[in-house]
PDB file of N, CA and C in Angstrom:
ATOM      1  N   MET A   1      -5.029 -11.057  -7.274  1.00  0.00           N
ATOM      2  CA  MET A   1      -4.002 -10.812  -6.274  1.00  0.00           C
ATOM      3  C   MET A   1      -2.956  -9.862  -6.845  1.00  0.00           C
ATOM      4  N   PRO A   2      -2.547  -8.874  -6.070  1.00  0.00           N
ATOM      5  CA  PRO A   2      -1.526  -7.951  -6.564  1.00  0.00           C
ATOM      6  C   PRO A   2      -0.216  -8.668  -6.866  1.00  0.00           C
ATOM      7  N   GLN A   3       0.509  -8.156  -7.818  1.00  0.00           N
ATOM      8  CA  GLN A   3       1.818  -8.705  -8.136  1.00  0.00           C
ATOM      9  C   GLN A   3       2.867  -7.828  -7.475  1.00  0.00           C
ATOM     10  N   GLU A   4       3.366  -8.292  -6.300  1.00  0.00           N
ATOM     11  CA  GLU A   4       4.288  -7.493  -5.495  1.00  0.00           C
ATOM     12  C   GLU A   4       5.513  -7.050  -6.277  1.00  0.00           C
ATOM     13  N   SER A   5       5.952  -7.873  -7.228  1.00  0.00           N
ATOM     14  CA  SER A   5       7.162  -7.518  -7.976  1.00  0.00           C
ATOM     15  C   SER A   5       6.954  -6.270  -8.824  1.00  0.00           C
ATOM     16  N   GLN A   6       5.702  -5.950  -9.152  1.00  0.00           N
ATOM     17  CA  GLN A   6       5.419  -4.788  -9.979  1.00  0.00           C
ATOM     18  C   GLN A   6       5.036  -3.556  -9.165  1.00  0.00           C
ATOM     19  N   LEU A   7       4.886  -3.716  -7.861  1.00  0.00           N
ATOM     20  CA  LEU A   7       4.545  -2.575  -7.012  1.00  0.00           C
ATOM     21  C   LEU A   7       5.727  -1.611  -6.959  1.00  0.00           C
ATOM     22  N   THR A   8       5.420  -0.347  -7.016  1.00  0.00           N
ATOM     23  CA  THR A   8       6.447   0.688  -6.917  1.00  0.00           C
ATOM     24  C   THR A   8       6.300   1.404  -5.585  1.00  0.00           C
ATOM     25  N   LEU A   9       7.340   1.375  -4.778  1.00  0.00           N
ATOM     26  CA  LEU A   9       7.353   2.086  -3.508  1.00  0.00           C
ATOM     27  C   LEU A   9       8.352   3.236  -3.599  1.00  0.00           C
ATOM     28  N   ILE A  10       7.945   4.367  -3.073  1.00  0.00           N
ATOM     29  CA  ILE A  10       8.781   5.562  -3.097  1.00  0.00           C
ATOM     30  C   ILE A  10       9.096   5.942  -1.655  1.00  0.00           C
ATOM     31  N   THR A  11      10.356   6.225  -1.367  1.00  0.00           N
ATOM     32  CA  THR A  11      10.741   6.626  -0.017  1.00  0.00           C
ATOM     33  C   THR A  11      11.270   8.054  -0.036  1.00  0.00           C
ATOM     34  N   ALA A  12      11.207   8.679   1.120  1.00  0.00           N
ATOM     35  CA  ALA A  12      11.703  10.043   1.275  1.00  0.00           C
ATOM     36  C   ALA A  12      13.060   9.994   1.969  1.00  0.00           C
ATOM     37  N   GLU A  13      14.040  10.618   1.375  1.00  0.00           N
ATOM     38  CA  GLU A  13      15.399  10.583   1.910  1.00  0.00           C
ATOM     39  C   GLU A  13      15.453  11.087   3.352  1.00  0.00           C
ATOM     40  N   ASN A  14      14.750  12.176   3.660  1.00  0.00           N
ATOM     41  CA  ASN A  14      14.809  12.718   5.020  1.00  0.00           C
ATOM     42  C   ASN A  14      14.135  11.788   6.035  1.00  0.00           C
ATOM     43  N   LEU A  15      13.109  11.067   5.638  1.00  0.00           N
ATOM     44  CA  LEU A  15      12.485  10.111   6.558  1.00  0.00           C
ATOM     45  C   LEU A  15      13.344   8.863   6.736  1.00  0.00           C
ATOM     46  N   SER A  16      14.146   8.551   5.745  1.00  0.00           N
ATOM     47  CA  SER A  16      15.021   7.370   5.819  1.00  0.00           C
ATOM     48  C   SER A  16      16.120   7.516   6.865  1.00  0.00           C
ATOM     49  N   THR A  17      16.358   8.719   7.335  1.00  0.00           N
ATOM     50  CA  THR A  17      17.389   8.926   8.363  1.00  0.00           C
ATOM     51  C   THR A  17      16.874   8.593   9.768  1.00  0.00           C
ATOM     52  N   ILE A  18      15.576   8.374   9.909  1.00  0.00           N
ATOM     53  CA  ILE A  18      14.993   8.022  11.211  1.00  0.00           C
ATOM     54  C   ILE A  18      15.097   6.508  11.369  1.00  0.00           C
ATOM     55  N   PRO A  19      15.946   6.025  12.287  1.00  0.00           N
ATOM     56  CA  PRO A  19      16.260   4.602  12.349  1.00  0.00           C
ATOM     57  C   PRO A  19      15.069   3.683  12.640  1.00  0.00           C
ATOM     58  N   TRP A  20      14.103   4.128  13.393  1.00  0.00           N
ATOM     59  CA  TRP A  20      12.983   3.269  13.771  1.00  0.00           C
ATOM     60  C   TRP A  20      11.803   3.337  12.808  1.00  0.00           C
ATOM     61  N   LEU A  21      11.888   4.202  11.790  1.00  0.00           N
ATOM     62  CA  LEU A  21      10.763   4.418  10.893  1.00  0.00           C
ATOM     63  C   LEU A  21      10.935   3.654   9.582  1.00  0.00           C
ATOM     64  N   LEU A  22      10.016   2.767   9.320  1.00  0.00           N
ATOM     65  CA  LEU A  22       9.950   2.075   8.034  1.00  0.00           C
ATOM     66  C   LEU A  22       8.799   2.729   7.274  1.00  0.00           C
ATOM     67  N   HIS A  23       9.093   3.320   6.137  1.00  0.00           N
ATOM     68  CA  HIS A  23       8.072   4.092   5.437  1.00  0.00           C
ATOM     69  C   HIS A  23       8.166   3.893   3.934  1.00  0.00           C
ATOM     70  N   ALA A  24       7.073   4.197   3.265  1.00  0.00           N
ATOM     71  CA  ALA A  24       7.048   4.239   1.805  1.00  0.00           C
ATOM     72  C   ALA A  24       5.737   4.862   1.364  1.00  0.00           C
ATOM     73  N   PHE A  25       5.767   5.398   0.173  1.00  0.00           N
ATOM     74  CA  PHE A  25       4.582   5.902  -0.495  1.00  0.00           C
ATOM     75  C   PHE A  25       4.355   5.003  -1.702  1.00  0.00           C
ATOM     76  N   SER A  26       3.105   4.787  -2.035  1.00  0.00           N
ATOM     77  CA  SER A  26       2.809   3.885  -3.142  1.00  0.00           C
ATOM     78  C   SER A  26       2.355   4.655  -4.373  1.00  0.00           C
ATOM     79  N   THR A  27       2.421   3.961  -5.490  1.00  0.00           N
ATOM     80  CA  THR A  27       1.774   4.454  -6.701  1.00  0.00           C
ATOM     81  C   THR A  27       0.470   3.674  -6.834  1.00  0.00           C
ATOM     82  N   ARG A  28      -0.265   3.905  -7.846  1.00  0.00           N
ATOM     83  CA  ARG A  28      -1.581   3.283  -8.010  1.00  0.00           C
ATOM     84  C   ARG A  28      -1.528   1.954  -8.777  1.00  0.00           C
ATOM     85  N   THR A  29      -0.385   1.582  -9.303  1.00  0.00           N
ATOM     86  CA  THR A  29      -0.317   0.426 -10.201  1.00  0.00           C
ATOM     87  C   THR A  29      -0.133  -0.902  -9.470  1.00  0.00           C
ATOM     88  N   ALA A  30      -0.519  -1.978 -10.153  1.00  0.00           N
ATOM     89  CA  ALA A  30      -0.266  -3.367  -9.750  1.00  0.00           C
ATOM     90  C   ALA A  30      -1.034  -3.818  -8.512  1.00  0.00           C
ATOM     91  N   GLY A  31      -2.287  -3.413  -8.409  1.00  0.00           N
ATOM     92  CA  GLY A  31      -3.094  -3.816  -7.269  1.00  0.00           C
ATOM     93  C   GLY A  31      -4.241  -4.736  -7.630  1.00  0.00           C
ATOM     94  N   SER A  32      -5.083  -5.012  -6.640  1.00  0.00           N
ATOM     95  CA  SER A  32      -6.237  -5.898  -6.786  1.00  0.00           C
ATOM     96  C   SER A  32      -7.533  -5.162  -7.079  1.00  0.00           C
ATOM     97  N   SER A  33      -7.556  -3.873  -6.884  1.00  0.00           N
ATOM     98  CA  SER A  33      -8.796  -3.118  -7.029  1.00  0.00           C
ATOM     99  C   SER A  33      -9.186  -2.972  -8.499  1.00  0.00           C
ATOM    100  N   ARG A  34     -10.469  -3.073  -8.756  1.00  0.00           N
ATOM    101  CA  ARG A  34     -10.990  -2.932 -10.119  1.00  0.00           C
ATOM    102  C   ARG A  34     -11.515  -1.525 -10.381  1.00  0.00           C
ATOM    103  N   VAL A  35     -11.442  -0.665  -9.383  1.00  0.00           N
ATOM    104  CA  VAL A  35     -11.889   0.725  -9.542  1.00  0.00           C
ATOM    105  C   VAL A  35     -10.692   1.600  -9.909  1.00  0.00           C
ATOM    106  N   TYR A  36     -10.951   2.825 -10.227  1.00  0.00           N
ATOM    107  CA  TYR A  36      -9.902   3.808 -10.521  1.00  0.00           C
ATOM    108  C   TYR A  36      -8.999   3.367 -11.669  1.00  0.00           C
ATOM    109  N   GLY A  37      -9.565   2.746 -12.667  1.00  0.00           N
ATOM    110  CA  GLY A  37      -8.782   2.351 -13.832  1.00  0.00           C
ATOM    111  C   GLY A  37      -8.419   0.874 -13.875  1.00  0.00           C
ATOM    112  N   GLY A  38      -8.762   0.109 -12.875  1.00  0.00           N
ATOM    113  CA  GLY A  38      -8.477  -1.324 -12.862  1.00  0.00           C
ATOM    114  C   GLY A  38      -7.058  -1.641 -12.444  1.00  0.00           C
ATOM    115  N   ASN A  39      -6.878  -2.802 -11.813  1.00  0.00           N
ATOM    116  CA  ASN A  39      -5.577  -3.242 -11.293  1.00  0.00           C
ATOM    117  C   ASN A  39      -4.916  -2.150 -10.465  1.00  0.00           C
ATOM    118  N   SER A  40      -5.729  -1.487  -9.678  1.00  0.00           N
ATOM    119  CA  SER A  40      -5.286  -0.340  -8.900  1.00  0.00           C
ATOM    120  C   SER A  40      -4.853  -0.761  -7.496  1.00  0.00           C
ATOM    121  N   LEU A  41      -3.792  -0.136  -7.006  1.00  0.00           N
ATOM    122  CA  LEU A  41      -3.315  -0.382  -5.651  1.00  0.00           C
ATOM    123  C   LEU A  41      -3.975   0.631  -4.714  1.00  0.00           C
ATOM    124  N   ASN A  42      -5.284   0.541  -4.612  1.00  0.00           N
ATOM    125  CA  ASN A  42      -6.016   1.416  -3.709  1.00  0.00           C
ATOM    126  C   ASN A  42      -5.803   0.924  -2.278  1.00  0.00           C
ATOM    127  N   LEU A  43      -5.306   1.777  -1.403  1.00  0.00           N
ATOM    128  CA  LEU A  43      -5.042   1.390  -0.010  1.00  0.00           C
ATOM    129  C   LEU A  43      -6.067   1.967   0.958  1.00  0.00           C
ATOM    130  N   GLY A  44      -7.012   2.732   0.434  1.00  0.00           N
ATOM    131  CA  GLY A  44      -8.001   3.378   1.296  1.00  0.00           C
ATOM    132  C   GLY A  44      -9.379   2.750   1.159  1.00  0.00           C
ATOM    133  N   PHE A  45     -10.049   2.586   2.289  1.00  0.00           N
ATOM    134  CA  PHE A  45     -11.397   2.045   2.282  1.00  0.00           C
ATOM    135  C   PHE A  45     -12.357   3.132   1.815  1.00  0.00           C
ATOM    136  N   THR A  46     -12.991   2.911   0.673  1.00  0.00           N
ATOM    137  CA  THR A  46     -13.942   3.864   0.108  1.00  0.00           C
ATOM    138  C   THR A  46     -15.206   3.121  -0.291  1.00  0.00           C
ATOM    139  N   GLN A  47     -16.236   3.862  -0.610  1.00  0.00           N
ATOM    140  CA  GLN A  47     -17.489   3.246  -1.027  1.00  0.00           C
ATOM    141  C   GLN A  47     -17.380   2.661  -2.432  1.00  0.00           C
ATOM    142  N   HIS A  48     -16.342   3.028  -3.175  1.00  0.00           N
ATOM    143  CA  HIS A  48     -16.191   2.581  -4.553  1.00  0.00           C
ATOM    144  C   HIS A  48     -15.395   1.280  -4.690  1.00  0.00           C
ATOM    145  N   ASP A  49     -14.785   0.814  -3.624  1.00  0.00           N
ATOM    146  CA  ASP A  49     -13.918  -0.363  -3.685  1.00  0.00           C
ATOM    147  C   ASP A  49     -14.360  -1.377  -2.640  1.00  0.00           C
ATOM    148  N   THR A  50     -14.010  -2.630  -2.857  1.00  0.00           N
ATOM    149  CA  THR A  50     -14.373  -3.666  -1.889  1.00  0.00           C
ATOM    150  C   THR A  50     -13.335  -3.735  -0.775  1.00  0.00           C
ATOM    151  N   ARG A  51     -13.788  -4.094   0.394  1.00  0.00           N
ATOM    152  CA  ARG A  51     -12.893  -4.242   1.544  1.00  0.00           C
ATOM    153  C   ARG A  51     -11.849  -5.323   1.266  1.00  0.00           C
ATOM    154  N   ILE A  52     -12.251  -6.401   0.630  1.00  0.00           N
ATOM    155  CA  ILE A  52     -11.335  -7.509   0.321  1.00  0.00           C
ATOM    156  C   ILE A  52     -10.196  -7.031  -0.579  1.00  0.00           C
ATOM    157  N   ALA A  53     -10.515  -6.255  -1.609  1.00  0.00           N
ATOM    158  CA  ALA A  53      -9.478  -5.760  -2.522  1.00  0.00           C
ATOM    159  C   ALA A  53      -8.503  -4.842  -1.794  1.00  0.00           C
ATOM    160  N   VAL A  54      -9.028  -3.955  -0.961  1.00  0.00           N
ATOM    161  CA  VAL A  54      -8.160  -3.034  -0.216  1.00  0.00           C
ATOM    162  C   VAL A  54      -7.267  -3.797   0.752  1.00  0.00           C
ATOM    163  N   GLU A  55      -7.810  -4.786   1.438  1.00  0.00           N
ATOM    164  CA  GLU A  55      -7.005  -5.585   2.364  1.00  0.00           C
ATOM    165  C   GLU A  55      -5.905  -6.345   1.623  1.00  0.00           C
ATOM    166  N   ARG A  56      -6.220  -6.893   0.447  1.00  0.00           N
ATOM    167  CA  ARG A  56      -5.188  -7.558  -0.369  1.00  0.00           C
ATOM    168  C   ARG A  56      -4.094  -6.566  -0.771  1.00  0.00           C
ATOM    169  N   ASN A  57      -4.519  -5.388  -1.184  1.00  0.00           N
ATOM    170  CA  ASN A  57      -3.552  -4.355  -1.573  1.00  0.00           C
ATOM    171  C   ASN A  57      -2.648  -3.967  -0.408  1.00  0.00           C
ATOM    172  N   ARG A  58      -3.236  -3.817   0.775  1.00  0.00           N
ATOM    173  CA  ARG A  58      -2.439  -3.443   1.954  1.00  0.00           C
ATOM    174  C   ARG A  58      -1.425  -4.519   2.314  1.00  0.00           C
ATOM    175  N   VAL A  59      -1.828  -5.779   2.255  1.00  0.00           N
ATOM    176  CA  VAL A  59      -0.885  -6.870   2.553  1.00  0.00           C
ATOM    177  C   VAL A  59       0.237  -6.882   1.520  1.00  0.00           C
ATOM    178  N   ALA A  60      -0.091  -6.698   0.249  1.00  0.00           N
ATOM    179  CA  ALA A  60       0.931  -6.672  -0.803  1.00  0.00           C
ATOM    180  C   ALA A  60       1.900  -5.515  -0.594  1.00  0.00           C
ATOM    181  N   PHE A  61       1.370  -4.349  -0.241  1.00  0.00           N
ATOM    182  CA  PHE A  61       2.207  -3.172   0.030  1.00  0.00           C
ATOM    183  C   PHE A  61       3.156  -3.449   1.194  1.00  0.00           C
ATOM    184  N   LEU A  62       2.628  -3.977   2.288  1.00  0.00           N
ATOM    185  CA  LEU A  62       3.465  -4.240   3.471  1.00  0.00           C
ATOM    186  C   LEU A  62       4.480  -5.338   3.202  1.00  0.00           C
ATOM    187  N   LYS A  63       4.101  -6.329   2.404  1.00  0.00           N
ATOM    188  CA  LYS A  63       5.045  -7.394   2.047  1.00  0.00           C
ATOM    189  C   LYS A  63       6.204  -6.830   1.230  1.00  0.00           C
ATOM    190  N   LYS A  64       5.880  -5.994   0.248  1.00  0.00           N
ATOM    191  CA  LYS A  64       6.926  -5.369  -0.577  1.00  0.00           C
ATOM    192  C   LYS A  64       7.836  -4.485   0.271  1.00  0.00           C
ATOM    193  N   LEU A  65       7.250  -3.822   1.263  1.00  0.00           N
ATOM    194  CA  LEU A  65       8.000  -2.954   2.168  1.00  0.00           C
ATOM    195  C   LEU A  65       8.864  -3.753   3.141  1.00  0.00           C
ATOM    196  N   GLY A  66       8.526  -5.021   3.329  1.00  0.00           N
ATOM    197  CA  GLY A  66       9.254  -5.847   4.297  1.00  0.00           C
ATOM    198  C   GLY A  66       8.690  -5.702   5.695  1.00  0.00           C
ATOM    199  N   ALA A  67       7.423  -5.329   5.777  1.00  0.00           N
ATOM    200  CA  ALA A  67       6.785  -5.077   7.070  1.00  0.00           C
ATOM    201  C   ALA A  67       5.848  -6.214   7.453  1.00  0.00           C
ATOM    202  N   LEU A  68       6.420  -7.411   7.516  1.00  0.00           N
ATOM    203  CA  LEU A  68       5.665  -8.580   7.958  1.00  0.00           C
ATOM    204  C   LEU A  68       6.360  -9.174   9.166  1.00  0.00           C
ATOM    205  N   HIS A  69       5.581  -9.671  10.089  1.00  0.00           N
ATOM    206  CA  HIS A  69       6.125 -10.347  11.265  1.00  0.00           C
ATOM    207  C   HIS A  69       5.359 -11.651  11.422  1.00  0.00           C
ATOM    208  N   SER A  70       6.060 -12.758  11.344  1.00  0.00           N
ATOM    209  CA  SER A  70       5.421 -14.071  11.407  1.00  0.00           C
ATOM    210  C   SER A  70       4.294 -14.175  10.382  1.00  0.00           C
ATOM    211  N   LYS A  71       4.559 -13.702   9.181  1.00  0.00           N
ATOM    212  CA  LYS A  71       3.622 -13.729   8.063  1.00  0.00           C
ATOM    213  C   LYS A  71       2.380 -12.859   8.274  1.00  0.00           C
ATOM    214  N   LYS A  72       2.379 -12.043   9.318  1.00  0.00           N
ATOM    215  CA  LYS A  72       1.278 -11.112   9.551  1.00  0.00           C
ATOM    216  C   LYS A  72       1.792  -9.700   9.281  1.00  0.00           C
ATOM    217  N   PRO A  73       0.966  -8.875   8.647  1.00  0.00           N
ATOM    218  CA  PRO A  73       1.413  -7.494   8.365  1.00  0.00           C
ATOM    219  C   PRO A  73       1.504  -6.659   9.632  1.00  0.00           C
ATOM    220  N   TRP A  74       2.468  -5.757   9.647  1.00  0.00           N
ATOM    221  CA  TRP A  74       2.586  -4.791  10.735  1.00  0.00           C
ATOM    222  C   TRP A  74       1.401  -3.834  10.687  1.00  0.00           C
ATOM    223  N   PRO A  75       1.160  -3.101  11.757  1.00  0.00           N
ATOM    224  CA  PRO A  75       0.121  -2.065  11.701  1.00  0.00           C
ATOM    225  C   PRO A  75       0.483  -1.033  10.632  1.00  0.00           C
ATOM    226  N   LEU A  76      -0.521  -0.520   9.984  1.00  0.00           N
ATOM    227  CA  LEU A  76      -0.328   0.436   8.908  1.00  0.00           C
ATOM    228  C   LEU A  76      -0.883   1.793   9.326  1.00  0.00           C
ATOM    229  N   VAL A  77      -0.073   2.819   9.207  1.00  0.00           N
ATOM    230  CA  VAL A  77      -0.521   4.176   9.482  1.00  0.00           C
ATOM    231  C   VAL A  77      -0.805   4.823   8.135  1.00  0.00           C
ATOM    232  N   THR A  78      -2.018   5.339   7.985  1.00  0.00           N
ATOM    233  CA  THR A  78      -2.405   5.932   6.710  1.00  0.00           C
ATOM    234  C   THR A  78      -2.791   7.396   6.892  1.00  0.00           C
ATOM    235  N   LEU A  79      -2.787   8.107   5.799  1.00  0.00           N
ATOM    236  CA  LEU A  79      -3.193   9.512   5.787  1.00  0.00           C
ATOM    237  C   LEU A  79      -4.448   9.648   4.931  1.00  0.00           C
ATOM    238  N   SER A  80      -5.210  10.659   5.204  1.00  0.00           N
ATOM    239  CA  SER A  80      -6.378  10.949   4.377  1.00  0.00           C
ATOM    240  C   SER A  80      -5.968  11.981   3.333  1.00  0.00           C
ATOM    241  N   GLN A  81      -6.103  11.602   2.078  1.00  0.00           N
ATOM    242  CA  GLN A  81      -5.701  12.478   0.982  1.00  0.00           C
ATOM    243  C   GLN A  81      -6.929  12.863   0.183  1.00  0.00           C
ATOM    244  N   VAL A  82      -7.061  14.134  -0.128  1.00  0.00           N
ATOM    245  CA  VAL A  82      -8.180  14.618  -0.915  1.00  0.00           C
ATOM    246  C   VAL A  82      -7.659  15.102  -2.263  1.00  0.00           C
ATOM    247  N   HIS A  83      -8.214  14.565  -3.335  1.00  0.00           N
ATOM    248  CA  HIS A  83      -7.866  15.015  -4.670  1.00  0.00           C
ATOM    249  C   HIS A  83      -8.925  16.012  -5.111  1.00  0.00           C
ATOM    250  N   SER A  84      -8.548  17.253  -5.209  1.00  0.00           N
ATOM    251  CA  SER A  84      -9.525  18.259  -5.642  1.00  0.00           C
ATOM    252  C   SER A  84      -8.875  19.308  -6.516  1.00  0.00           C
TER     253      SER A  84
END
């Protein structure tokens, strides 16, 4: 299980001025995934990681962000990022 206290969230100052937008960017550390170096906070569903690990990571990310409602995570909007 990810350790939420060790998760690092990064926010953008210009996005923080939008009152209805709760946002953050994550780093790769302190997650449940065993791929990409282990203990990785992988938030994307890939063929290299398990769905269970990614779902745990997403819940931990949203919990750290404060995006829970009645103990259920809010919808998550993600981007597709290519490392090349």
